[in-house]
Amino acid sequence: GVTLVGHTNLPALVAADASALYARNLLDFMKLLFDKDGTFSINLEDDIVAACLVCRDGQIVRKNG
């Protein structure tokens, strides 16, 4: 005989996992935008921040498309 062990309603767990993953990714991204003192600071040396920056000081710095 075979015994299957696991969750009976797997689809119900997917949304919670996806939401938690999205929240964690958003938090990690927000941490890149603040310095150690908690002051908002755009670090252009960070590749992720630089890639996400579209405009600065009223000028477009990155055109997508």
PDB file of N, CA and C in Angstrom:
ATOM      1  N   GLY A   1       0.800  -1.163   0.000  1.00  0.00           N
ATOM      2  CA  GLY A   1       0.000   0.000   0.000  1.00  0.00           C
ATOM      3  C   GLY A   1       0.864   1.255   0.000  1.00  0.00           C
ATOM      4  N   VAL A   2       0.280   2.306  -0.459  1.00  0.00           N
ATOM      5  CA  VAL A   2       0.940   3.605  -0.527  1.00  0.00           C
ATOM      6  C   VAL A   2       0.198   4.585   0.375  1.00  0.00           C
ATOM      7  N   THR A   3       0.953   5.306   1.178  1.00  0.00           N
ATOM      8  CA  THR A   3       0.369   6.333   2.035  1.00  0.00           C
ATOM      9  C   THR A   3       0.859   7.694   1.558  1.00  0.00           C
ATOM     10  N   LEU A   4      -0.074   8.578   1.239  1.00  0.00           N
ATOM     11  CA  LEU A   4       0.259   9.935   0.814  1.00  0.00           C
ATOM     12  C   LEU A   4       0.120  10.866   2.011  1.00  0.00           C
ATOM     13  N   VAL A   5       1.152  11.623   2.266  1.00  0.00           N
ATOM     14  CA  VAL A   5       1.142  12.566   3.376  1.00  0.00           C
ATOM     15  C   VAL A   5       1.353  13.961   2.804  1.00  0.00           C
ATOM     16  N   GLY A   6       0.480  14.882   3.151  1.00  0.00           N
ATOM     17  CA  GLY A   6       0.624  16.251   2.654  1.00  0.00           C
ATOM     18  C   GLY A   6      -0.617  17.058   2.931  1.00  0.00           C
ATOM     19  N   HIS A   7      -0.626  18.268   2.432  1.00  0.00           N
ATOM     20  CA  HIS A   7      -1.775  19.153   2.611  1.00  0.00           C
ATOM     21  C   HIS A   7      -2.907  18.699   1.706  1.00  0.00           C
ATOM     22  N   THR A   8      -4.124  18.831   2.194  1.00  0.00           N
ATOM     23  CA  THR A   8      -5.269  18.407   1.396  1.00  0.00           C
ATOM     24  C   THR A   8      -5.785  19.517   0.495  1.00  0.00           C
ATOM     25  N   ASN A   9      -5.475  20.765   0.810  1.00  0.00           N
ATOM     26  CA  ASN A   9      -5.949  21.892   0.011  1.00  0.00           C
ATOM     27  C   ASN A   9      -4.764  22.773  -0.378  1.00  0.00           C
ATOM     28  N   LEU A  10      -3.905  22.266  -1.223  1.00  0.00           N
ATOM     29  CA  LEU A  10      -2.689  22.969  -1.624  1.00  0.00           C
ATOM     30  C   LEU A  10      -2.957  24.329  -2.286  1.00  0.00           C
ATOM     31  N   PRO A  11      -3.964  24.451  -3.164  1.00  0.00           N
ATOM     32  CA  PRO A  11      -4.210  25.765  -3.780  1.00  0.00           C
ATOM     33  C   PRO A  11      -4.506  26.873  -2.771  1.00  0.00           C
ATOM     34  N   ALA A  12      -5.083  26.543  -1.638  1.00  0.00           N
ATOM     35  CA  ALA A  12      -5.375  27.562  -0.626  1.00  0.00           C
ATOM     36  C   ALA A  12      -4.099  28.122  -0.017  1.00  0.00           C
ATOM     37  N   LEU A  13      -3.022  27.362  -0.041  1.00  0.00           N
ATOM     38  CA  LEU A  13      -1.763  27.808   0.544  1.00  0.00           C
ATOM     39  C   LEU A  13      -0.935  28.657  -0.413  1.00  0.00           C
ATOM     40  N   VAL A  14      -1.176  28.533  -1.702  1.00  0.00           N
ATOM     41  CA  VAL A  14      -0.366  29.230  -2.704  1.00  0.00           C
ATOM     42  C   VAL A  14      -0.512  30.744  -2.590  1.00  0.00           C
ATOM     43  N   ALA A  15      -1.730  31.235  -2.411  1.00  0.00           N
ATOM     44  CA  ALA A  15      -1.943  32.682  -2.327  1.00  0.00           C
ATOM     45  C   ALA A  15      -1.211  33.277  -1.124  1.00  0.00           C
ATOM     46  N   ALA A  16      -1.263  32.605  -0.011  1.00  0.00           N
ATOM     47  CA  ALA A  16      -0.575  33.105   1.183  1.00  0.00           C
ATOM     48  C   ALA A  16       0.934  33.120   0.968  1.00  0.00           C
ATOM     49  N   ASP A  17       1.467  32.075   0.356  1.00  0.00           N
ATOM     50  CA  ASP A  17       2.904  32.027   0.084  1.00  0.00           C
ATOM     51  C   ASP A  17       3.314  33.113  -0.902  1.00  0.00           C
ATOM     52  N   ALA A  18       2.509  33.323  -1.935  1.00  0.00           N
ATOM     53  CA  ALA A  18       2.821  34.350  -2.930  1.00  0.00           C
ATOM     54  C   ALA A  18       2.769  35.742  -2.298  1.00  0.00           C
ATOM     55  N   SER A  19       1.788  35.975  -1.450  1.00  0.00           N
ATOM     56  CA  SER A  19       1.678  37.276  -0.781  1.00  0.00           C
ATOM     57  C   SER A  19       2.858  37.516   0.149  1.00  0.00           C
ATOM     58  N   ALA A  20       3.261  36.487   0.876  1.00  0.00           N
ATOM     59  CA  ALA A  20       4.403  36.616   1.784  1.00  0.00           C
ATOM     60  C   ALA A  20       5.688  36.865   1.002  1.00  0.00           C
ATOM     61  N   LEU A  21       5.858  36.186  -0.124  1.00  0.00           N
ATOM     62  CA  LEU A  21       7.045  36.372  -0.953  1.00  0.00           C
ATOM     63  C   LEU A  21       7.083  37.785  -1.530  1.00  0.00           C
ATOM     64  N   TYR A  22       5.941  38.261  -2.019  1.00  0.00           N
ATOM     65  CA  TYR A  22       5.869  39.616  -2.566  1.00  0.00           C
ATOM     66  C   TYR A  22       6.184  40.648  -1.483  1.00  0.00           C
ATOM     67  N   ALA A  23       5.606  40.455  -0.304  1.00  0.00           N
ATOM     68  CA  ALA A  23       5.848  41.387   0.802  1.00  0.00           C
ATOM     69  C   ALA A  23       7.322  41.408   1.182  1.00  0.00           C
ATOM     70  N   ARG A  24       7.947  40.247   1.214  1.00  0.00           N
ATOM     71  CA  ARG A  24       9.370  40.174   1.571  1.00  0.00           C
ATOM     72  C   ARG A  24      10.230  40.868   0.507  1.00  0.00           C
ATOM     73  N   ASN A  25       9.912  40.636  -0.764  1.00  0.00           N
ATOM     74  CA  ASN A  25      10.663  41.281  -1.849  1.00  0.00           C
ATOM     75  C   ASN A  25      10.503  42.798  -1.804  1.00  0.00           C
ATOM     76  N   LEU A  26       9.290  43.255  -1.515  1.00  0.00           N
ATOM     77  CA  LEU A  26       9.046  44.691  -1.424  1.00  0.00           C
ATOM     78  C   LEU A  26       9.807  45.302  -0.249  1.00  0.00           C
ATOM     79  N   LEU A  27       9.819  44.607   0.884  1.00  0.00           N
ATOM     80  CA  LEU A  27      10.565  45.080   2.049  1.00  0.00           C
ATOM     81  C   LEU A  27      12.060  45.159   1.748  1.00  0.00           C
ATOM     82  N   ASP A  28      12.596  44.124   1.105  1.00  0.00           N
ATOM     83  CA  ASP A  28      14.022  44.131   0.763  1.00  0.00           C
ATOM     84  C   ASP A  28      14.358  45.274  -0.196  1.00  0.00           C
ATOM     85  N   PHE A  29      13.452  45.571  -1.134  1.00  0.00           N
ATOM     86  CA  PHE A  29      13.679  46.688  -2.048  1.00  0.00           C
ATOM     87  C   PHE A  29      13.639  48.018  -1.298  1.00  0.00           C
ATOM     88  N   MET A  30      12.672  48.171  -0.403  1.00  0.00           N
ATOM     89  CA  MET A  30      12.561  49.413   0.365  1.00  0.00           C
ATOM     90  C   MET A  30      13.791  49.640   1.239  1.00  0.00           C
ATOM     91  N   LYS A  31      14.391  48.571   1.732  1.00  0.00           N
ATOM     92  CA  LYS A  31      15.602  48.698   2.546  1.00  0.00           C
ATOM     93  C   LYS A  31      16.749  49.311   1.742  1.00  0.00           C
ATOM     94  N   LEU A  32      16.733  49.117   0.430  1.00  0.00           N
ATOM     95  CA  LEU A  32      17.773  49.691  -0.424  1.00  0.00           C
ATOM     96  C   LEU A  32      17.636  51.209  -0.553  1.00  0.00           C
ATOM     97  N   LEU A  33      16.458  51.733  -0.256  1.00  0.00           N
ATOM     98  CA  LEU A  33      16.185  53.154  -0.446  1.00  0.00           C
ATOM     99  C   LEU A  33      16.419  54.000   0.799  1.00  0.00           C
ATOM    100  N   PHE A  34      16.807  53.361   1.896  1.00  0.00           N
ATOM    101  CA  PHE A  34      17.032  54.086   3.145  1.00  0.00           C
ATOM    102  C   PHE A  34      18.409  53.747   3.690  1.00  0.00           C
ATOM    103  N   ASP A  35      19.081  54.753   4.264  1.00  0.00           N
ATOM    104  CA  ASP A  35      20.399  54.499   4.844  1.00  0.00           C
ATOM    105  C   ASP A  35      20.253  53.914   6.250  1.00  0.00           C
ATOM    106  N   LYS A  36      21.367  53.709   6.919  1.00  0.00           N
ATOM    107  CA  LYS A  36      21.354  53.067   8.240  1.00  0.00           C
ATOM    108  C   LYS A  36      20.616  53.890   9.286  1.00  0.00           C
ATOM    109  N   ASP A  37      20.526  55.208   9.073  1.00  0.00           N
ATOM    110  CA  ASP A  37      19.828  56.086  10.013  1.00  0.00           C
ATOM    111  C   ASP A  37      18.332  56.167   9.732  1.00  0.00           C
ATOM    112  N   GLY A  38      17.878  55.528   8.661  1.00  0.00           N
ATOM    113  CA  GLY A  38      16.466  55.559   8.303  1.00  0.00           C
ATOM    114  C   GLY A  38      16.085  56.734   7.431  1.00  0.00           C
ATOM    115  N   THR A  39      17.085  57.418   6.893  1.00  0.00           N
ATOM    116  CA  THR A  39      16.843  58.562   6.018  1.00  0.00           C
ATOM    117  C   THR A  39      16.735  58.082   4.576  1.00  0.00           C
ATOM    118  N   PHE A  40      15.728  58.610   3.868  1.00  0.00           N
ATOM    119  CA  PHE A  40      15.558  58.256   2.462  1.00  0.00           C
ATOM    120  C   PHE A  40      16.785  58.696   1.687  1.00  0.00           C
ATOM    121  N   SER A  41      17.381  57.772   0.950  1.00  0.00           N
ATOM    122  CA  SER A  41      18.616  58.059   0.234  1.00  0.00           C
ATOM    123  C   SER A  41      18.705  57.173  -1.000  1.00  0.00           C
ATOM    124  N   ILE A  42      18.813  57.788  -2.159  1.00  0.00           N
ATOM    125  CA  ILE A  42      18.936  57.026  -3.401  1.00  0.00           C
ATOM    126  C   ILE A  42      20.412  56.778  -3.665  1.00  0.00           C
ATOM    127  N   ASN A  43      20.807  55.529  -3.567  1.00  0.00           N
ATOM    128  CA  ASN A  43      22.196  55.134  -3.784  1.00  0.00           C
ATOM    129  C   ASN A  43      22.352  54.669  -5.232  1.00  0.00           C
ATOM    130  N   LEU A  44      22.882  55.532  -6.069  1.00  0.00           N
ATOM    131  CA  LEU A  44      23.032  55.189  -7.483  1.00  0.00           C
ATOM    132  C   LEU A  44      24.124  54.155  -7.724  1.00  0.00           C
ATOM    133  N   GLU A  45      24.919  53.864  -6.708  1.00  0.00           N
ATOM    134  CA  GLU A  45      25.947  52.827  -6.824  1.00  0.00           C
ATOM    135  C   GLU A  45      25.330  51.431  -6.757  1.00  0.00           C
ATOM    136  N   ASP A  46      24.115  51.330  -6.219  1.00  0.00           N
ATOM    137  CA  ASP A  46      23.422  50.049  -6.133  1.00  0.00           C
ATOM    138  C   ASP A  46      22.798  49.741  -7.490  1.00  0.00           C
ATOM    139  N   ASP A  47      23.126  48.598  -8.056  1.00  0.00           N
ATOM    140  CA  ASP A  47      22.648  48.237  -9.393  1.00  0.00           C
ATOM    141  C   ASP A  47      21.128  48.151  -9.464  1.00  0.00           C
ATOM    142  N   ILE A  48      20.493  47.625  -8.427  1.00  0.00           N
ATOM    143  CA  ILE A  48      19.036  47.473  -8.434  1.00  0.00           C
ATOM    144  C   ILE A  48      18.360  48.837  -8.388  1.00  0.00           C
ATOM    145  N   VAL A  49      18.822  49.696  -7.507  1.00  0.00           N
ATOM    146  CA  VAL A  49      18.243  51.040  -7.396  1.00  0.00           C
ATOM    147  C   VAL A  49      18.462  51.811  -8.694  1.00  0.00           C
ATOM    148  N   ALA A  50      19.652  51.764  -9.234  1.00  0.00           N
ATOM    149  CA  ALA A  50      19.951  52.486 -10.474  1.00  0.00           C
ATOM    150  C   ALA A  50      19.090  51.986 -11.632  1.00  0.00           C
ATOM    151  N   ALA A  51      18.833  50.685 -11.688  1.00  0.00           N
ATOM    152  CA  ALA A  51      18.023  50.122 -12.765  1.00  0.00           C
ATOM    153  C   ALA A  51      16.553  50.514 -12.639  1.00  0.00           C
ATOM    154  N   CYS A  52      16.094  50.795 -11.432  1.00  0.00           N
ATOM    155  CA  CYS A  52      14.693  51.156 -11.202  1.00  0.00           C
ATOM    156  C   CYS A  52      14.438  52.654 -11.309  1.00  0.00           C
ATOM    157  N   LEU A  53      15.483  53.452 -11.268  1.00  0.00           N
ATOM    158  CA  LEU A  53      15.331  54.904 -11.303  1.00  0.00           C
ATOM    159  C   LEU A  53      14.944  55.356 -12.708  1.00  0.00           C
ATOM    160  N   VAL A  54      13.829  56.060 -12.816  1.00  0.00           N
ATOM    161  CA  VAL A  54      13.337  56.518 -14.109  1.00  0.00           C
ATOM    162  C   VAL A  54      13.634  58.001 -14.304  1.00  0.00           C
ATOM    163  N   CYS A  55      13.451  58.808 -13.252  1.00  0.00           N
ATOM    164  CA  CYS A  55      13.755  60.233 -13.369  1.00  0.00           C
ATOM    165  C   CYS A  55      14.399  60.730 -12.083  1.00  0.00           C
ATOM    166  N   ARG A  56      15.163  61.818 -12.228  1.00  0.00           N
ATOM    167  CA  ARG A  56      15.845  62.414 -11.077  1.00  0.00           C
ATOM    168  C   ARG A  56      16.001  63.905 -11.336  1.00  0.00           C
ATOM    169  N   ASP A  57      15.656  64.696 -10.344  1.00  0.00           N
ATOM    170  CA  ASP A  57      15.739  66.158 -10.447  1.00  0.00           C
ATOM    171  C   ASP A  57      14.996  66.690 -11.668  1.00  0.00           C
ATOM    172  N   GLY A  58      13.845  66.104 -11.968  1.00  0.00           N
ATOM    173  CA  GLY A  58      13.016  66.557 -13.075  1.00  0.00           C
ATOM    174  C   GLY A  58      13.471  66.102 -14.448  1.00  0.00           C
ATOM    175  N   GLN A  59      14.506  65.300 -14.515  1.00  0.00           N
ATOM    176  CA  GLN A  59      15.028  64.827 -15.794  1.00  0.00           C
ATOM    177  C   GLN A  59      14.848  63.319 -15.916  1.00  0.00           C
ATOM    178  N   ILE A  60      14.502  62.864 -17.093  1.00  0.00           N
ATOM    179  CA  ILE A  60      14.384  61.431 -17.341  1.00  0.00           C
ATOM    180  C   ILE A  60      15.789  60.856 -17.463  1.00  0.00           C
ATOM    181  N   VAL A  61      16.096  59.859 -16.640  1.00  0.00           N
ATOM    182  CA  VAL A  61      17.428  59.257 -16.665  1.00  0.00           C
ATOM    183  C   VAL A  61      17.422  57.880 -17.318  1.00  0.00           C
ATOM    184  N   ARG A  62      16.244  57.324 -17.497  1.00  0.00           N
ATOM    185  CA  ARG A  62      16.161  55.987 -18.092  1.00  0.00           C
ATOM    186  C   ARG A  62      14.876  55.894 -18.904  1.00  0.00           C
ATOM    187  N   LYS A  63      15.028  55.634 -20.169  1.00  0.00           N
ATOM    188  CA  LYS A  63      13.864  55.436 -21.029  1.00  0.00           C
ATOM    189  C   LYS A  63      13.746  53.951 -21.324  1.00  0.00           C
ATOM    190  N   ASN A  64      12.623  53.393 -20.970  1.00  0.00           N
ATOM    191  CA  ASN A  64      12.374  51.978 -21.263  1.00  0.00           C
ATOM    192  C   ASN A  64      11.593  51.883 -22.559  1.00  0.00           C
ATOM    193  N   GLY A  65      12.032  50.981 -23.398  1.00  0.00           N
ATOM    194  CA  GLY A  65      11.271  50.738 -24.602  1.00  0.00           C
ATOM    195  C   GLY A  65      11.880  51.213 -25.852  1.00  0.00           C
TER     196      GLY A  65
END
